[in-house]
Amino acid sequence: KKTPMYDEVIYFEKEKEGVVVEVAFQHSDSYNETLFSFANNINTIEGGTHLSGFRTALTRTVNAYAKANKIIKDDKTMSMGGDDIREGLTAVISVKVPEPQFEGQTKTKLGNGEVDGIVQQVINENLGNFLEENPAVGRRMIEKAVLAATAREAARKARDLTRRKGA
């Protein structure tokens, strides 16, 4: 069993423009990303606009925090992608939308375009505040993401080298 990177679960709940956004997540030292998304208590296993908003905001906020606090250099040589930041992340994203628009009969994907921006705003504000108030947690999150980015880049270089030798 993997131990959590920190015992604290990061949790936000906020209502904006009639949409209630609830997010809870925690990093661990595992390598798997586990995301659960819900819209009006319906499990949206294919995700949708709320999940894409969460992913975008998480990546943007963590990168901005890392650069602002000089944890990573502000250059193009080292970039943390969304996959790097979400490595080891377990998250639950739930939205309550007044008039949900689901794609398909099975209601497995939320299609409301405005929800993406609302979720991004909520995550940007609340996660940014959380990271400022808990710099040790932020530093560990970023160090794990940098390690994942470094491993990804090393694997790419090894793959390229192997392909060149085979040609």
C-alpha atoms as a PDB file:
ATOM      1  CA  LYS A   1       0.000   0.000   0.000  1.00  0.00           C
ATOM      2  CA  LYS A   2       1.309   3.413  -0.936  1.00  0.00           C
ATOM      3  CA  THR A   3       1.444   6.116   1.702  1.00  0.00           C
ATOM      4  CA  PRO A   4      -0.022   9.526   0.979  1.00  0.00           C
ATOM      5  CA  MET A   5       2.411  12.331   0.308  1.00  0.00           C
ATOM      6  CA  TYR A   6       0.581  14.289   2.959  1.00  0.00           C
ATOM      7  CA  ASP A   7      -2.325  13.285   5.134  1.00  0.00           C
ATOM      8  CA  GLU A   8      -4.396  16.310   4.269  1.00  0.00           C
ATOM      9  CA  VAL A   9      -7.024  16.038   1.568  1.00  0.00           C
ATOM     10  CA  ILE A  10      -7.401  19.292  -0.353  1.00  0.00           C
ATOM     11  CA  TYR A  11     -11.096  20.156  -0.515  1.00  0.00           C
ATOM     12  CA  PHE A  12     -12.978  23.076  -2.061  1.00  0.00           C
ATOM     13  CA  GLU A  13     -16.660  23.795  -2.370  1.00  0.00           C
ATOM     14  CA  LYS A  14     -17.869  26.959  -4.051  1.00  0.00           C
ATOM     15  CA  GLU A  15     -20.975  28.187  -5.828  1.00  0.00           C
ATOM     16  CA  LYS A  16     -20.426  30.413  -8.849  1.00  0.00           C
ATOM     17  CA  GLU A  17     -23.000  31.573 -11.401  1.00  0.00           C
ATOM     18  CA  GLY A  18     -25.516  29.013 -10.112  1.00  0.00           C
ATOM     19  CA  VAL A  19     -23.088  26.103 -10.479  1.00  0.00           C
ATOM     20  CA  VAL A  20     -21.857  24.377  -7.324  1.00  0.00           C
ATOM     21  CA  VAL A  21     -18.330  23.000  -7.673  1.00  0.00           C
ATOM     22  CA  GLU A  22     -16.969  20.471  -5.177  1.00  0.00           C
ATOM     23  CA  VAL A  23     -13.445  19.138  -5.524  1.00  0.00           C
ATOM     24  CA  ALA A  24     -11.426  16.884  -3.228  1.00  0.00           C
ATOM     25  CA  PHE A  25      -7.996  15.540  -4.097  1.00  0.00           C
ATOM     26  CA  GLN A  26      -4.842  14.111  -2.615  1.00  0.00           C
ATOM     27  CA  HIS A  27      -1.438  13.189  -4.009  1.00  0.00           C
ATOM     28  CA  SER A  28       0.330   9.965  -3.132  1.00  0.00           C
ATOM     29  CA  ASP A  29       3.659   8.451  -4.086  1.00  0.00           C
ATOM     30  CA  SER A  30       2.018   6.089  -6.583  1.00  0.00           C
ATOM     31  CA  TYR A  31       2.238   6.614 -10.341  1.00  0.00           C
ATOM     32  CA  ASN A  32      -1.439   6.225 -11.211  1.00  0.00           C
ATOM     33  CA  GLU A  33      -3.945   8.996 -11.722  1.00  0.00           C
ATOM     34  CA  THR A  34      -7.446   8.265 -10.409  1.00  0.00           C
ATOM     35  CA  LEU A  35     -10.174  10.763 -11.251  1.00  0.00           C
ATOM     36  CA  PHE A  36     -13.874  10.442 -10.475  1.00  0.00           C
ATOM     37  CA  SER A  37     -16.289  12.998 -11.923  1.00  0.00           C
ATOM     38  CA  PHE A  38     -19.942  13.638 -11.166  1.00  0.00           C
ATOM     39  CA  ALA A  39     -22.544  16.027 -12.535  1.00  0.00           C
ATOM     40  CA  ASN A  40     -25.730  16.377 -10.470  1.00  0.00           C
ATOM     41  CA  ASN A  41     -24.740  13.170  -8.617  1.00  0.00           C
ATOM     42  CA  ILE A  42     -24.521  11.225 -11.902  1.00  0.00           C
ATOM     43  CA  ASN A  43     -21.188   9.480 -12.421  1.00  0.00           C
ATOM     44  CA  THR A  44     -19.793  10.925 -15.647  1.00  0.00           C
ATOM     45  CA  ILE A  45     -17.315   8.144 -16.404  1.00  0.00           C
ATOM     46  CA  GLU A  46     -16.338   9.758 -19.714  1.00  0.00           C
ATOM     47  CA  GLY A  47     -15.698  13.091 -17.991  1.00  0.00           C
ATOM     48  CA  GLY A  48     -16.813  16.233 -19.741  1.00  0.00           C
ATOM     49  CA  THR A  49     -16.346  19.952 -19.408  1.00  0.00           C
ATOM     50  CA  HIS A  50     -16.018  19.879 -15.598  1.00  0.00           C
ATOM     51  CA  LEU A  51     -13.168  17.369 -15.771  1.00  0.00           C
ATOM     52  CA  SER A  52     -11.335  19.240 -18.546  1.00  0.00           C
ATOM     53  CA  GLY A  53     -11.713  22.464 -16.536  1.00  0.00           C
ATOM     54  CA  PHE A  54     -10.200  20.761 -13.489  1.00  0.00           C
ATOM     55  CA  ARG A  55      -7.253  19.384 -15.460  1.00  0.00           C
ATOM     56  CA  THR A  56      -6.529  22.720 -17.150  1.00  0.00           C
ATOM     57  CA  ALA A  57      -6.756  24.731 -13.931  1.00  0.00           C
ATOM     58  CA  LEU A  58      -4.643  22.263 -11.936  1.00  0.00           C
ATOM     59  CA  THR A  59      -1.846  22.370 -14.519  1.00  0.00           C
ATOM     60  CA  ARG A  60      -1.957  26.143 -14.918  1.00  0.00           C
ATOM     61  CA  THR A  61      -2.147  26.905 -11.179  1.00  0.00           C
ATOM     62  CA  VAL A  62       0.649  24.531 -10.137  1.00  0.00           C
ATOM     63  CA  ASN A  63       2.946  25.780 -12.928  1.00  0.00           C
ATOM     64  CA  ALA A  64       2.230  29.420 -12.038  1.00  0.00           C
ATOM     65  CA  TYR A  65       2.889  28.749  -8.346  1.00  0.00           C
ATOM     66  CA  ALA A  66       6.134  26.902  -9.134  1.00  0.00           C
ATOM     67  CA  LYS A  67       7.438  29.746 -11.310  1.00  0.00           C
ATOM     68  CA  ALA A  68       6.310  32.507  -8.937  1.00  0.00           C
ATOM     69  CA  ASN A  69       8.092  30.849  -6.012  1.00  0.00           C
ATOM     70  CA  LYS A  70      11.199  30.001  -8.075  1.00  0.00           C
ATOM     71  CA  ILE A  71      10.779  26.262  -7.485  1.00  0.00           C
ATOM     72  CA  ILE A  72      11.298  25.690 -11.207  1.00  0.00           C
ATOM     73  CA  LYS A  73      13.089  27.983 -13.598  1.00  0.00           C
ATOM     74  CA  ASP A  74      11.001  30.184 -15.853  1.00  0.00           C
ATOM     75  CA  ASP A  75      12.443  28.738 -19.050  1.00  0.00           C
ATOM     76  CA  LYS A  76      11.366  26.216 -21.664  1.00  0.00           C
ATOM     77  CA  THR A  77      13.925  23.523 -20.785  1.00  0.00           C
ATOM     78  CA  MET A  78      11.843  22.143 -17.941  1.00  0.00           C
ATOM     79  CA  SER A  79       8.101  22.089 -18.384  1.00  0.00           C
ATOM     80  CA  MET A  80       5.652  20.190 -16.254  1.00  0.00           C
ATOM     81  CA  GLY A  81       2.760  18.872 -18.276  1.00  0.00           C
ATOM     82  CA  GLY A  82      -0.651  17.975 -16.937  1.00  0.00           C
ATOM     83  CA  ASP A  83       0.213  14.273 -16.821  1.00  0.00           C
ATOM     84  CA  ASP A  84       3.290  15.031 -14.714  1.00  0.00           C
ATOM     85  CA  ILE A  85       1.310  17.073 -12.206  1.00  0.00           C
ATOM     86  CA  ARG A  86      -1.524  14.521 -12.009  1.00  0.00           C
ATOM     87  CA  GLU A  87       0.820  11.558 -11.453  1.00  0.00           C
ATOM     88  CA  GLY A  88      -0.245   9.936  -8.168  1.00  0.00           C
ATOM     89  CA  LEU A  89      -3.343  12.139  -7.896  1.00  0.00           C
ATOM     90  CA  THR A  90      -6.670  10.844  -6.634  1.00  0.00           C
ATOM     91  CA  ALA A  91      -9.480  13.330  -7.174  1.00  0.00           C
ATOM     92  CA  VAL A  92     -13.244  13.626  -7.030  1.00  0.00           C
ATOM     93  CA  ILE A  93     -14.844  16.431  -9.030  1.00  0.00           C
ATOM     94  CA  SER A  94     -18.547  17.064  -8.563  1.00  0.00           C
ATOM     95  CA  VAL A  95     -20.654  19.825 -10.069  1.00  0.00           C
ATOM     96  CA  LYS A  96     -24.305  20.672  -9.598  1.00  0.00           C
ATOM     97  CA  VAL A  97     -25.575  22.356 -12.758  1.00  0.00           C
ATOM     98  CA  PRO A  98     -29.082  23.887 -13.002  1.00  0.00           C
ATOM     99  CA  GLU A  99     -29.620  22.694 -16.591  1.00  0.00           C
ATOM    100  CA  PRO A 100     -27.142  19.899 -17.372  1.00  0.00           C
ATOM    101  CA  GLN A 101     -26.557  18.914 -20.984  1.00  0.00           C
ATOM    102  CA  PHE A 102     -25.248  15.387 -21.258  1.00  0.00           C
ATOM    103  CA  GLU A 103     -23.768  13.890 -24.392  1.00  0.00           C
ATOM    104  CA  GLY A 104     -25.418  10.615 -25.358  1.00  0.00           C
ATOM    105  CA  GLN A 105     -28.269   8.631 -23.822  1.00  0.00           C
ATOM    106  CA  THR A 106     -26.219   7.141 -20.999  1.00  0.00           C
ATOM    107  CA  LYS A 107     -25.342  10.529 -19.438  1.00  0.00           C
ATOM    108  CA  THR A 108     -21.670   9.616 -19.138  1.00  0.00           C
ATOM    109  CA  LYS A 109     -20.248  12.964 -20.328  1.00  0.00           C
ATOM    110  CA  LEU A 110     -21.203  16.519 -19.369  1.00  0.00           C
ATOM    111  CA  GLY A 111     -21.401  18.930 -22.291  1.00  0.00           C
ATOM    112  CA  ASN A 112     -22.162  22.341 -20.714  1.00  0.00           C
ATOM    113  CA  GLY A 113     -19.451  24.647 -22.080  1.00  0.00           C
ATOM    114  CA  GLU A 114     -19.764  27.279 -19.350  1.00  0.00           C
ATOM    115  CA  VAL A 115     -18.941  24.715 -16.642  1.00  0.00           C
ATOM    116  CA  ASP A 116     -15.342  24.420 -17.913  1.00  0.00           C
ATOM    117  CA  GLY A 117     -14.610  28.092 -17.181  1.00  0.00           C
ATOM    118  CA  ILE A 118     -16.423  28.059 -13.830  1.00  0.00           C
ATOM    119  CA  VAL A 119     -14.459  25.018 -12.613  1.00  0.00           C
ATOM    120  CA  GLN A 120     -11.223  26.650 -13.808  1.00  0.00           C
ATOM    121  CA  GLN A 121     -11.972  29.832 -11.864  1.00  0.00           C
ATOM    122  CA  VAL A 122     -12.831  27.934  -8.666  1.00  0.00           C
ATOM    123  CA  ILE A 123      -9.695  25.760  -8.848  1.00  0.00           C
ATOM    124  CA  ASN A 124      -7.409  28.691  -9.735  1.00  0.00           C
ATOM    125  CA  GLU A 125      -8.624  30.787  -6.798  1.00  0.00           C
ATOM    126  CA  ASN A 126      -8.830  28.077  -4.160  1.00  0.00           C
ATOM    127  CA  LEU A 127      -5.788  25.984  -5.099  1.00  0.00           C
ATOM    128  CA  GLY A 128      -3.669  29.113  -5.461  1.00  0.00           C
ATOM    129  CA  ASN A 129      -4.681  30.208  -1.951  1.00  0.00           C
ATOM    130  CA  PHE A 130      -4.094  26.709  -0.565  1.00  0.00           C
ATOM    131  CA  LEU A 131      -0.587  26.504  -2.036  1.00  0.00           C
ATOM    132  CA  GLU A 132       0.314  29.943  -0.667  1.00  0.00           C
ATOM    133  CA  GLU A 133      -0.888  28.933   2.807  1.00  0.00           C
ATOM    134  CA  ASN A 134       0.774  25.476   2.666  1.00  0.00           C
ATOM    135  CA  PRO A 135       4.145  25.953   0.935  1.00  0.00           C
ATOM    136  CA  ALA A 136       5.525  22.592   2.119  1.00  0.00           C
ATOM    137  CA  VAL A 137       2.672  20.732   0.445  1.00  0.00           C
ATOM    138  CA  GLY A 138       3.096  22.809  -2.711  1.00  0.00           C
ATOM    139  CA  ARG A 139       6.821  22.129  -2.822  1.00  0.00           C
ATOM    140  CA  ARG A 140       6.296  18.353  -2.483  1.00  0.00           C
ATOM    141  CA  MET A 141       3.637  18.425  -5.208  1.00  0.00           C
ATOM    142  CA  ILE A 142       5.961  20.277  -7.563  1.00  0.00           C
ATOM    143  CA  GLU A 143       8.996  18.116  -6.750  1.00  0.00           C
ATOM    144  CA  LYS A 144       6.976  14.996  -7.624  1.00  0.00           C
ATOM    145  CA  ALA A 145       5.793  16.595 -10.877  1.00  0.00           C
ATOM    146  CA  VAL A 146       9.351  17.640 -11.795  1.00  0.00           C
ATOM    147  CA  LEU A 147      10.539  14.086 -11.143  1.00  0.00           C
ATOM    148  CA  ALA A 148       7.779  12.748 -13.391  1.00  0.00           C
ATOM    149  CA  ALA A 149       8.682  15.252 -16.135  1.00  0.00           C
ATOM    150  CA  THR A 150      12.356  14.295 -15.869  1.00  0.00           C
ATOM    151  CA  ALA A 151      11.501  10.589 -16.141  1.00  0.00           C
ATOM    152  CA  ARG A 152       9.232  11.245 -19.137  1.00  0.00           C
ATOM    153  CA  GLU A 153      11.970  13.224 -20.896  1.00  0.00           C
ATOM    154  CA  ALA A 154      14.610  10.535 -20.169  1.00  0.00           C
ATOM    155  CA  ALA A 155      12.305   7.838 -21.557  1.00  0.00           C
ATOM    156  CA  ARG A 156      11.727   9.896 -24.712  1.00  0.00           C
ATOM    157  CA  LYS A 157      15.481  10.386 -25.230  1.00  0.00           C
ATOM    158  CA  ALA A 158      16.147   6.671 -24.700  1.00  0.00           C
ATOM    159  CA  ARG A 159      13.394   5.777 -27.186  1.00  0.00           C
ATOM    160  CA  ASP A 160      14.813   8.207 -29.771  1.00  0.00           C
ATOM    161  CA  LEU A 161      18.323   6.849 -29.275  1.00  0.00           C
ATOM    162  CA  THR A 162      17.120   3.260 -29.707  1.00  0.00           C
ATOM    163  CA  ARG A 163      15.263   4.181 -32.896  1.00  0.00           C
ATOM    164  CA  ARG A 164      18.326   5.934 -34.326  1.00  0.00           C
ATOM    165  CA  LYS A 165      20.521   2.906 -33.615  1.00  0.00           C
ATOM    166  CA  GLY A 166      18.029   0.622 -35.344  1.00  0.00           C
ATOM    167  CA  ALA A 167      17.848   2.740 -38.502  1.00  0.00           C
END
